[in-house]
N, C-alpha and C. Protein backbone atom coordinates (compact mmCIF):
# COMPACT_ATOMS: atom_id res chain seq x y z
N MET A 1 0.81 -1.36 -0.14
CA MET A 1 -0.05 -0.12 -0.02
C MET A 1 0.85 1.40 -0.06
N GLY A 2 2.06 1.45 0.31
CA GLY A 2 2.81 2.43 0.85
C GLY A 2 3.47 2.83 -0.60
N SER A 3 3.26 1.78 -1.57
CA SER A 3 3.84 2.43 -2.88
C SER A 3 2.88 2.79 -4.08
N ILE A 4 1.50 2.84 -3.51
CA ILE A 4 0.46 3.64 -4.32
C ILE A 4 0.55 5.40 -4.56
N PRO A 5 1.17 5.76 -5.54
CA PRO A 5 1.49 7.10 -5.74
C PRO A 5 0.09 8.11 -5.77
N PHE A 6 -0.59 8.29 -4.83
CA PHE A 6 -1.76 8.85 -4.95
C PHE A 6 -1.48 10.48 -5.63
N GLY A 7 -0.59 11.25 -5.18
CA GLY A 7 -0.24 12.63 -5.71
C GLY A 7 -0.47 12.56 -7.35
N PHE A 8 0.46 11.35 -7.93
CA PHE A 8 0.43 11.19 -9.09
C PHE A 8 -0.88 10.52 -9.96
N ILE A 9 -1.29 9.79 -9.03
CA ILE A 9 -3.00 9.29 -9.85
C ILE A 9 -3.74 10.42 -9.98
N LEU A 10 -3.98 11.09 -8.61
CA LEU A 10 -5.03 12.18 -8.45
C LEU A 10 -4.67 13.48 -9.34
N THR A 11 -3.30 13.82 -9.91
CA THR A 11 -2.97 14.84 -10.70
C THR A 11 -3.41 14.38 -12.23
N LYS A 12 -3.09 12.98 -12.37
CA LYS A 12 -3.39 12.43 -13.93
C LYS A 12 -4.79 12.43 -14.16
N ILE A 13 -5.48 11.89 -12.98
CA ILE A 13 -7.05 11.82 -13.39
C ILE A 13 -7.81 13.00 -13.66
N PHE A 14 -7.38 13.93 -12.60
CA PHE A 14 -8.41 15.18 -12.42
C PHE A 14 -7.48 16.66 -13.15
N LEU A 15 -6.29 16.51 -13.38
CA LEU A 15 -5.67 17.81 -14.14
C LEU A 15 -5.25 17.19 -15.18
N LYS A 16 -5.13 16.03 -15.77
CA LYS A 16 -4.45 15.54 -16.98
C LYS A 16 -3.18 15.99 -17.07
N LYS A 17 -2.44 15.74 -15.93
CA LYS A 17 -1.14 16.32 -15.71
C LYS A 17 -0.35 15.31 -15.16
N ASP A 18 1.09 15.10 -15.26
CA ASP A 18 2.05 14.73 -14.81
C ASP A 18 2.67 15.22 -13.71
N ILE A 19 2.19 15.10 -12.42
CA ILE A 19 2.84 15.88 -11.18
C ILE A 19 4.49 15.82 -11.15
N ARG A 20 4.95 14.83 -11.86
CA ARG A 20 6.34 14.92 -11.78
C ARG A 20 7.07 16.00 -12.75
N ASN A 21 5.98 16.57 -13.30
CA ASN A 21 6.62 17.82 -14.49
C ASN A 21 6.50 19.21 -13.60
N ILE A 22 5.76 19.01 -12.45
CA ILE A 22 5.25 20.53 -11.72
C ILE A 22 5.89 20.50 -10.42
N GLY A 23 6.43 21.89 -10.27
CA GLY A 23 7.04 22.21 -8.98
C GLY A 23 8.43 21.45 -9.06
N SER A 24 8.54 20.81 -7.79
CA SER A 24 9.56 19.88 -7.43
C SER A 24 9.96 18.44 -8.25
N GLY A 25 8.76 18.25 -8.83
CA GLY A 25 8.78 17.16 -9.22
C GLY A 25 8.27 15.64 -8.45
N ASN A 26 8.15 16.19 -6.93
CA ASN A 26 7.68 14.97 -6.26
C ASN A 26 6.36 14.74 -6.37
N ILE A 27 6.10 13.33 -5.75
CA ILE A 27 4.70 13.18 -6.00
C ILE A 27 3.76 13.13 -4.75
N GLY A 28 4.32 14.08 -3.87
CA GLY A 28 3.49 14.06 -2.27
C GLY A 28 2.87 15.19 -2.31
N ALA A 29 2.22 15.55 -1.12
CA ALA A 29 1.08 16.30 -0.96
C ALA A 29 1.77 17.79 -1.14
N THR A 30 2.71 18.23 -0.68
CA THR A 30 3.35 19.65 -0.73
C THR A 30 3.33 19.98 -2.10
N ASN A 31 4.11 19.06 -3.04
CA ASN A 31 3.87 19.42 -4.54
C ASN A 31 2.63 19.05 -5.09
N ALA A 32 1.73 18.55 -4.69
CA ALA A 32 0.25 18.35 -5.38
C ALA A 32 -0.38 19.78 -5.10
N LEU A 33 -0.09 20.36 -3.70
CA LEU A 33 -0.51 21.80 -3.60
C LEU A 33 -0.05 22.94 -4.90
N ARG A 34 1.13 22.66 -5.19
CA ARG A 34 1.59 23.23 -6.22
C ARG A 34 1.01 23.17 -7.59
N THR A 35 0.15 22.24 -7.74
CA THR A 35 -0.52 22.09 -9.03
C THR A 35 -1.58 23.45 -9.29
N GLY A 36 -1.94 24.05 -7.86
CA GLY A 36 -2.72 25.10 -8.28
C GLY A 36 -4.27 24.73 -7.66
N ASN A 37 -4.06 23.19 -7.28
CA ASN A 37 -5.42 22.70 -6.87
C ASN A 37 -5.62 22.26 -5.48
N LYS A 38 -6.05 23.06 -4.44
CA LYS A 38 -5.86 22.60 -3.15
C LYS A 38 -6.43 21.39 -2.73
N LEU A 39 -7.81 21.27 -3.48
CA LEU A 39 -8.35 19.82 -3.29
C LEU A 39 -7.50 18.69 -3.50
N ILE A 40 -6.82 18.71 -4.79
CA ILE A 40 -5.77 17.72 -5.14
C ILE A 40 -4.72 17.41 -3.93
N GLY A 41 -4.37 18.70 -3.31
CA GLY A 41 -3.31 18.64 -2.49
C GLY A 41 -3.67 18.23 -1.42
N TYR A 42 -4.69 18.56 -0.78
CA TYR A 42 -5.24 17.94 0.47
C TYR A 42 -5.59 16.61 0.43
N ALA A 43 -6.30 16.08 -0.72
CA ALA A 43 -6.74 14.71 -1.02
C ALA A 43 -5.43 13.97 -1.06
N THR A 44 -4.19 14.25 -1.69
CA THR A 44 -3.30 13.74 -1.91
C THR A 44 -2.78 13.54 -0.20
N LEU A 45 -2.47 14.39 0.45
CA LEU A 45 -2.00 14.34 1.83
C LEU A 45 -3.06 13.24 2.79
N PHE A 46 -4.29 13.23 2.70
CA PHE A 46 -5.36 12.64 3.10
C PHE A 46 -5.08 11.18 2.78
N PHE A 47 -4.79 10.89 1.53
CA PHE A 47 -4.61 9.45 1.08
C PHE A 47 -3.18 8.84 1.47
N ASP A 48 -2.28 9.89 1.39
CA ASP A 48 -0.93 9.25 1.83
C ASP A 48 -0.89 8.69 3.37
N ILE A 49 -1.62 9.66 3.95
CA ILE A 49 -1.59 9.27 5.62
C ILE A 49 -2.67 7.96 5.52
N THR A 50 -3.84 7.92 4.90
CA THR A 50 -4.47 6.99 5.33
C THR A 50 -3.53 5.42 4.64
N LYS A 51 -2.87 5.44 3.64
CA LYS A 51 -2.24 4.40 3.03
C LYS A 51 -1.12 3.58 4.11
N ALA A 52 -1.01 4.46 5.18
CA ALA A 52 -0.23 3.99 5.97
C ALA A 52 -1.14 3.69 7.41
N VAL A 53 -2.25 4.38 7.74
CA VAL A 53 -2.95 3.98 8.88
C VAL A 53 -3.77 2.65 8.65
N VAL A 54 -4.11 2.30 7.55
CA VAL A 54 -4.89 1.27 7.55
C VAL A 54 -4.13 0.05 7.60
N PRO A 55 -2.84 -0.31 6.91
CA PRO A 55 -2.32 -1.31 7.16
C PRO A 55 -1.77 -1.53 8.41
N ILE A 56 -1.23 -0.33 8.88
CA ILE A 56 -0.69 -0.38 10.39
C ILE A 56 -1.66 -0.86 11.48
N ILE A 57 -2.58 -0.39 11.38
CA ILE A 57 -3.72 -0.64 12.27
C ILE A 57 -3.99 -2.12 12.17
N TYR A 58 -4.26 -2.79 10.94
CA TYR A 58 -4.53 -4.10 10.83
C TYR A 58 -3.25 -5.19 11.57
N ILE A 59 -2.08 -4.62 11.10
CA ILE A 59 -0.88 -5.34 11.71
C ILE A 59 -0.85 -5.06 13.07
N LYS A 60 -1.19 -4.12 13.62
CA LYS A 60 -1.22 -3.59 14.97
C LYS A 60 -1.84 -4.91 15.84
N PHE A 61 -3.27 -5.23 15.52
CA PHE A 61 -4.21 -5.99 16.04
C PHE A 61 -4.04 -7.68 15.39
N ASN A 62 -3.21 -7.81 14.31
CA ASN A 62 -3.27 -9.18 14.04
C ASN A 62 -1.63 -9.71 14.03
N PHE A 63 -0.76 -8.80 13.83
CA PHE A 63 0.67 -9.26 13.78
C PHE A 63 1.83 -8.40 14.41
N PRO A 64 1.32 -8.06 15.62
CA PRO A 64 2.12 -6.89 16.44
C PRO A 64 3.56 -6.97 16.35
N GLU A 65 4.28 -8.24 16.20
CA GLU A 65 5.73 -8.53 16.21
C GLU A 65 5.97 -7.75 15.06
N LEU A 66 5.16 -7.64 14.02
CA LEU A 66 5.81 -7.20 12.59
C LEU A 66 5.60 -5.69 12.36
N LEU A 67 5.25 -5.01 13.35
CA LEU A 67 4.45 -3.56 13.65
C LEU A 67 5.53 -2.44 13.10
N TYR A 68 7.01 -2.73 13.50
CA TYR A 68 7.96 -1.83 12.85
C TYR A 68 8.37 -2.01 11.69
N ILE A 69 8.48 -3.49 11.43
CA ILE A 69 9.07 -3.61 9.80
C ILE A 69 7.75 -3.16 9.28
N GLY A 70 6.78 -3.66 9.29
CA GLY A 70 5.72 -3.25 8.46
C GLY A 70 5.49 -1.54 8.37
N SER A 71 5.89 -0.98 9.23
CA SER A 71 5.95 0.66 9.13
C SER A 71 6.89 1.00 8.35
N LEU A 72 8.06 0.52 8.45
CA LEU A 72 9.27 0.85 7.88
C LEU A 72 8.94 0.59 6.17
N SER A 73 8.31 -0.58 6.00
CA SER A 73 7.97 -1.19 4.39
C SER A 73 7.04 -0.37 4.05
N ILE A 74 5.99 0.31 4.70
CA ILE A 74 5.12 1.35 4.04
C ILE A 74 5.70 2.53 3.87
N PHE A 75 6.84 3.09 4.45
CA PHE A 75 7.35 4.38 4.50
C PHE A 75 8.36 4.16 2.97
N LEU A 76 9.07 3.08 3.32
CA LEU A 76 9.78 3.09 1.97
C LEU A 76 9.04 2.87 0.67
N GLY A 77 8.00 2.00 0.91
CA GLY A 77 6.94 1.86 -0.43
C GLY A 77 6.81 3.07 -0.96
N HIS A 78 6.43 4.36 -0.31
CA HIS A 78 5.99 5.53 -0.40
C HIS A 78 7.41 6.40 -1.16
N VAL A 79 8.45 6.20 -0.59
CA VAL A 79 9.73 6.90 -1.08
C VAL A 79 10.24 6.24 -2.46
N PHE A 80 10.10 4.89 -2.57
CA PHE A 80 10.54 4.24 -3.65
C PHE A 80 9.71 3.37 -4.05
N PRO A 81 8.35 3.92 -4.73
CA PRO A 81 7.44 3.07 -5.19
C PRO A 81 7.66 2.37 -6.40
N VAL A 82 7.53 0.96 -6.69
CA VAL A 82 7.66 0.31 -7.96
C VAL A 82 7.08 0.86 -9.12
N TRP A 83 5.90 1.57 -8.88
CA TRP A 83 5.09 1.75 -10.05
C TRP A 83 5.83 2.95 -10.91
N LEU A 84 6.83 3.72 -9.94
CA LEU A 84 7.32 5.10 -10.68
C LEU A 84 8.78 4.99 -10.85
N LYS A 85 9.24 3.81 -11.28
CA LYS A 85 11.02 3.67 -11.20
C LYS A 85 11.58 3.84 -9.88
N PHE A 86 11.12 3.69 -8.81
CA PHE A 86 11.36 4.06 -7.50
C PHE A 86 11.64 5.26 -6.89
N LYS A 87 10.74 6.38 -7.69
CA LYS A 87 10.89 7.78 -7.57
C LYS A 87 9.75 8.08 -7.02
N GLY A 88 9.80 8.46 -5.56
CA GLY A 88 8.33 8.82 -4.87
C GLY A 88 8.50 10.04 -4.14
N GLY A 89 7.67 10.04 -3.35
CA GLY A 89 7.58 11.28 -2.07
C GLY A 89 8.72 11.34 -1.21
N LYS A 90 8.53 12.33 -0.38
CA LYS A 90 9.62 12.34 0.99
C LYS A 90 8.99 11.53 1.98
N GLY A 91 7.83 11.01 2.05
CA GLY A 91 7.32 10.15 3.13
C GLY A 91 6.73 10.92 4.30
N VAL A 92 6.61 12.10 4.23
CA VAL A 92 6.31 12.83 5.38
C VAL A 92 4.65 12.48 5.81
N ALA A 93 3.76 12.66 4.78
CA ALA A 93 2.55 12.32 5.16
C ALA A 93 2.48 10.85 5.50
N THR A 94 3.03 9.94 4.95
CA THR A 94 3.05 8.66 5.27
C THR A 94 3.92 8.43 6.75
N TYR A 95 4.44 8.94 6.75
CA TYR A 95 4.93 9.04 8.50
C TYR A 95 4.15 9.57 9.57
N VAL A 96 3.42 10.64 9.24
CA VAL A 96 2.37 11.07 9.91
C VAL A 96 1.26 10.00 10.16
N GLY A 97 0.74 9.29 9.22
CA GLY A 97 0.04 8.19 9.22
C GLY A 97 0.37 7.05 10.19
N ILE A 98 1.82 6.83 9.92
CA ILE A 98 2.47 5.80 10.67
C ILE A 98 2.42 6.23 12.30
N LEU A 99 2.78 7.65 12.59
CA LEU A 99 2.64 8.12 14.10
C LEU A 99 1.46 7.73 14.58
N PHE A 100 0.41 8.31 14.02
CA PHE A 100 -1.09 8.18 14.23
C PHE A 100 -1.47 6.72 14.74
N ALA A 101 -1.16 5.95 13.88
CA ALA A 101 -1.59 4.31 13.77
C ALA A 101 -0.61 3.82 15.07
N LEU A 102 0.67 4.25 14.99
CA LEU A 102 1.05 3.59 16.45
C LEU A 102 0.87 4.27 17.78
N ASN A 103 0.63 5.58 17.62
CA ASN A 103 0.58 5.95 19.08
C ASN A 103 -0.13 7.41 18.99
N ILE A 104 -1.66 7.80 18.96
CA ILE A 104 -1.77 9.13 18.79
C ILE A 104 -0.96 10.14 19.01
N TYR A 105 -0.48 10.24 20.39
CA TYR A 105 0.32 11.25 21.03
C TYR A 105 1.32 11.52 20.00
N PHE A 106 2.06 10.31 19.56
CA PHE A 106 3.05 10.72 18.48
C PHE A 106 2.69 11.33 17.30
N GLY A 107 1.33 11.18 16.90
CA GLY A 107 0.97 11.94 15.70
C GLY A 107 0.84 13.41 16.10
N LEU A 108 0.04 13.69 17.46
CA LEU A 108 0.06 14.96 17.91
C LEU A 108 1.19 15.76 18.11
N ILE A 109 1.88 15.27 18.68
CA ILE A 109 3.41 15.83 18.66
C ILE A 109 3.91 16.36 17.57
N PHE A 110 4.01 15.45 16.27
CA PHE A 110 4.44 15.65 15.13
C PHE A 110 3.69 16.70 14.67
N ILE A 111 2.42 16.77 14.65
CA ILE A 111 1.54 17.80 13.87
C ILE A 111 1.80 19.25 14.91
N ILE A 112 1.80 19.07 16.05
CA ILE A 112 2.10 20.52 16.69
C ILE A 112 3.41 21.27 16.49
N SER A 113 4.42 20.17 16.33
CA SER A 113 5.64 20.57 16.24
C SER A 113 5.70 21.23 14.72
N TRP A 114 5.30 20.48 13.91
CA TRP A 114 5.19 21.06 12.31
C TRP A 114 4.50 22.13 12.56
N LEU A 115 3.36 22.46 12.91
CA LEU A 115 2.64 23.86 12.84
C LEU A 115 3.30 24.75 13.38
N ILE A 116 4.08 24.74 14.54
CA ILE A 116 4.75 25.80 15.38
C ILE A 116 5.70 26.24 14.20
N ILE A 117 6.53 25.22 13.89
CA ILE A 117 7.72 25.81 13.03
C ILE A 117 7.16 26.32 11.79
N TYR A 118 6.25 25.58 11.15
CA TYR A 118 5.56 26.20 9.96
C TYR A 118 5.31 27.85 9.86
N VAL A 119 4.30 27.91 11.12
CA VAL A 119 3.94 29.59 11.51
C VAL A 119 5.18 30.55 11.42
N ILE A 120 6.02 29.93 12.33
CA ILE A 120 7.32 30.81 12.21
C ILE A 120 8.11 30.99 10.94
N PHE A 121 8.30 29.88 10.04
CA PHE A 121 9.27 30.12 9.12
C PHE A 121 8.52 29.84 7.51
N ARG A 122 7.49 29.32 7.71
CA ARG A 122 6.71 28.90 6.42
C ARG A 122 7.28 28.17 5.47
N PHE A 123 8.06 27.15 6.01
CA PHE A 123 8.81 26.04 5.04
C PHE A 123 8.43 24.69 5.33
N SER A 124 7.74 24.31 4.36
CA SER A 124 7.03 22.85 4.62
C SER A 124 8.42 21.66 5.13
N SER A 125 9.53 22.01 4.34
CA SER A 125 10.26 21.02 4.38
C SER A 125 11.38 21.17 5.85
N LEU A 126 11.33 22.27 6.27
CA LEU A 126 11.98 22.52 7.46
C LEU A 126 10.99 22.03 8.76
N SER A 127 9.82 22.51 8.48
CA SER A 127 8.91 21.89 9.68
C SER A 127 8.68 20.41 9.52
N SER A 128 9.13 19.65 8.51
CA SER A 128 9.02 18.32 8.45
C SER A 128 10.12 17.88 9.23
N ILE A 129 11.50 18.49 9.06
CA ILE A 129 12.53 17.88 9.22
C ILE A 129 12.56 17.83 11.17
N ILE A 130 11.91 19.14 11.21
CA ILE A 130 12.02 19.65 12.78
C ILE A 130 11.16 18.55 13.42
N ALA A 131 9.86 18.30 13.06
CA ALA A 131 8.71 17.40 13.44
C ALA A 131 9.21 16.20 13.61
N SER A 132 10.13 15.90 12.44
CA SER A 132 10.45 14.21 12.42
C SER A 132 11.32 14.11 13.58
N ALA A 133 12.27 15.19 14.02
CA ALA A 133 13.44 15.01 15.03
C ALA A 133 12.61 15.02 16.30
N SER A 134 11.67 15.79 16.49
CA SER A 134 10.79 16.02 17.86
C SER A 134 10.29 14.43 18.56
N ILE A 135 9.92 13.44 17.75
CA ILE A 135 9.66 12.13 18.07
C ILE A 135 10.82 11.25 19.01
N PRO A 136 11.71 11.10 18.24
CA PRO A 136 12.99 10.34 19.02
C PRO A 136 13.37 11.32 20.18
N LEU A 137 13.34 12.57 20.28
CA LEU A 137 13.65 13.79 21.34
C LEU A 137 12.68 13.27 22.67
N TYR A 138 11.38 13.52 21.97
CA TYR A 138 10.40 12.91 23.30
C TYR A 138 10.56 11.83 23.65
N LEU A 139 10.77 11.07 23.11
CA LEU A 139 10.90 9.50 23.63
C LEU A 139 12.24 9.28 24.42
N LEU A 140 13.38 10.24 24.14
CA LEU A 140 14.48 10.09 24.90
C LEU A 140 14.02 10.83 26.11
N ILE A 141 13.37 12.02 26.10
CA ILE A 141 13.02 12.76 27.39
C ILE A 141 12.21 11.57 28.34
N LEU A 142 11.33 10.99 27.77
CA LEU A 142 10.56 10.30 28.85
C LEU A 142 10.87 8.76 29.20
N GLY A 143 12.53 8.33 28.40
CA GLY A 143 12.93 7.41 29.04
C GLY A 143 12.40 6.24 28.13
N GLN A 144 11.93 6.26 27.07
CA GLN A 144 11.12 5.07 26.17
C GLN A 144 12.29 4.55 25.08
N PHE A 145 13.37 4.16 25.70
CA PHE A 145 14.68 4.08 24.90
C PHE A 145 14.33 2.87 23.83
N ASP A 146 13.33 1.95 24.12
CA ASP A 146 12.99 0.72 23.19
C ASP A 146 12.73 1.23 21.91
N GLN A 147 11.91 2.45 21.76
CA GLN A 147 11.20 3.08 20.75
C GLN A 147 12.32 4.07 19.86
N VAL A 148 13.22 4.40 20.79
CA VAL A 148 14.14 5.53 19.97
C VAL A 148 14.73 5.00 18.67
N ILE A 149 15.37 3.99 18.71
CA ILE A 149 16.20 3.45 17.62
C ILE A 149 15.26 3.40 16.28
N PHE A 150 14.06 3.13 16.37
CA PHE A 150 13.18 3.09 15.31
C PHE A 150 12.91 4.51 14.76
N PHE A 151 12.34 5.52 15.70
CA PHE A 151 12.06 6.50 15.26
C PHE A 151 13.26 7.33 15.01
N THR A 152 14.58 7.10 15.21
CA THR A 152 15.57 7.92 14.89
C THR A 152 16.07 7.31 13.40
N ILE A 153 15.66 6.10 13.07
CA ILE A 153 15.73 5.67 11.73
C ILE A 153 14.95 6.48 10.84
N MET A 154 13.80 6.41 11.20
CA MET A 154 12.68 7.40 10.30
C MET A 154 13.06 8.92 10.16
N PHE A 155 13.70 9.45 11.61
CA PHE A 155 14.23 10.79 11.31
C PHE A 155 15.34 10.93 9.98
N ILE A 156 16.27 9.80 10.60
CA ILE A 156 17.25 9.80 9.33
C ILE A 156 16.65 9.81 7.66
N LEU A 157 15.82 8.81 7.57
CA LEU A 157 15.39 8.59 6.35
C LEU A 157 14.73 10.00 5.92
N ILE A 158 13.91 10.43 6.63
CA ILE A 158 13.08 11.74 6.46
C ILE A 158 14.31 12.81 6.11
N PHE A 159 15.49 12.83 6.95
CA PHE A 159 16.34 14.07 6.50
C PHE A 159 16.90 13.55 5.42
N PHE A 160 17.13 12.46 5.07
CA PHE A 160 17.74 12.10 3.61
C PHE A 160 16.73 12.51 2.50
N THR A 161 15.53 12.12 2.47
CA THR A 161 14.79 12.30 1.46
C THR A 161 14.55 13.94 1.17
N HIS A 162 15.07 14.63 2.51
CA HIS A 162 15.08 16.23 2.38
C HIS A 162 16.49 16.66 2.03
N ARG A 163 17.17 16.01 1.69
CA ARG A 163 18.71 16.69 1.43
C ARG A 163 18.64 17.78 0.51
N GLU A 164 17.90 17.53 -0.65
CA GLU A 164 17.98 18.89 -1.43
C GLU A 164 17.27 20.24 -0.93
N ASN A 165 16.20 20.10 -0.01
CA ASN A 165 15.41 21.08 0.59
C ASN A 165 16.64 21.77 1.64
N ILE A 166 17.34 20.65 2.17
CA ILE A 166 18.52 21.27 3.11
C ILE A 166 19.53 22.26 2.48
N LYS A 167 19.75 21.59 1.40
CA LYS A 167 20.72 22.60 0.59
C LYS A 167 20.14 24.00 0.15
N ARG A 168 18.93 24.07 -0.16
CA ARG A 168 18.16 25.29 -0.75
C ARG A 168 17.86 25.97 0.34
N LEU A 169 17.40 25.32 1.71
CA LEU A 169 17.35 26.38 2.78
C LEU A 169 18.54 26.80 3.47
N LYS A 170 19.75 26.11 3.07
CA LYS A 170 21.06 26.51 3.82
C LYS A 170 21.59 27.92 2.70
N ASN A 171 21.24 27.80 1.42
CA ASN A 171 21.31 28.67 0.32
C ASN A 171 20.34 29.80 0.17
N LYS A 172 19.43 29.91 1.38
CA LYS A 172 18.32 30.94 1.01
C LYS A 172 17.43 30.71 -0.13
N GLU A 173 17.16 29.62 -0.92
CA GLU A 173 16.66 29.37 -2.05
C GLU A 173 15.30 28.35 -1.84
N GLU A 174 15.14 28.07 -0.76
CA GLU A 174 13.78 27.29 -0.63
C GLU A 174 12.64 28.06 -0.82
N THR A 175 11.62 27.35 -1.36
CA THR A 175 10.29 28.11 -1.75
C THR A 175 9.33 28.13 -0.46
N LYS A 176 8.81 29.18 0.00
CA LYS A 176 8.14 28.92 1.21
C LYS A 176 6.81 28.41 0.31
N THR A 177 6.13 27.70 1.44
CA THR A 177 4.47 26.87 1.09
C THR A 177 3.50 27.48 1.77
N LYS A 178 2.42 27.70 0.82
CA LYS A 178 1.16 28.02 1.34
C LYS A 178 0.25 26.76 1.51
N ILE A 179 -0.17 26.61 2.48
CA ILE A 179 -0.85 25.49 2.79
C ILE A 179 -2.43 25.60 2.68
N TYR A 180 -2.75 27.08 2.71
CA TYR A 180 -4.29 27.53 2.81
C TYR A 180 -4.52 28.27 1.50
């Protein structure tokens, strides 16, 4: 389910365009917003979150021993979808779905962190990176060391998918994002 490229599918069906030729060329929700159609952007966000929530909830109740490998697989499926020659999204919306499915508080911490950074700086990429770092830091503060490794790996993966954004932020060339 992680490899279903909703941003690609929605822009192809409703706009008759290839999202990979718009904005950053990414198939995720932030780039879907750049199509100029907010409904497609928010629908992409919703479906990218949902494609993580549904299978993880199923795994949580039926195969709990596979919860973290399943979560990682869904995330990697989004970032490297087989259908698009392994060139997908940056994984943030899918990660949000993973967080909410694993623990609603993790999802809320991410969203609150993301919103605070976004309101201050207006960069979706910076907000995503810092919000992703907030989860392992939160777990360290609470002393829940058993989960820190998984969430640190997820942070490193999100940091990796944002490496071009980091260069643009560093060079003051990153585009601010309008979410409304």
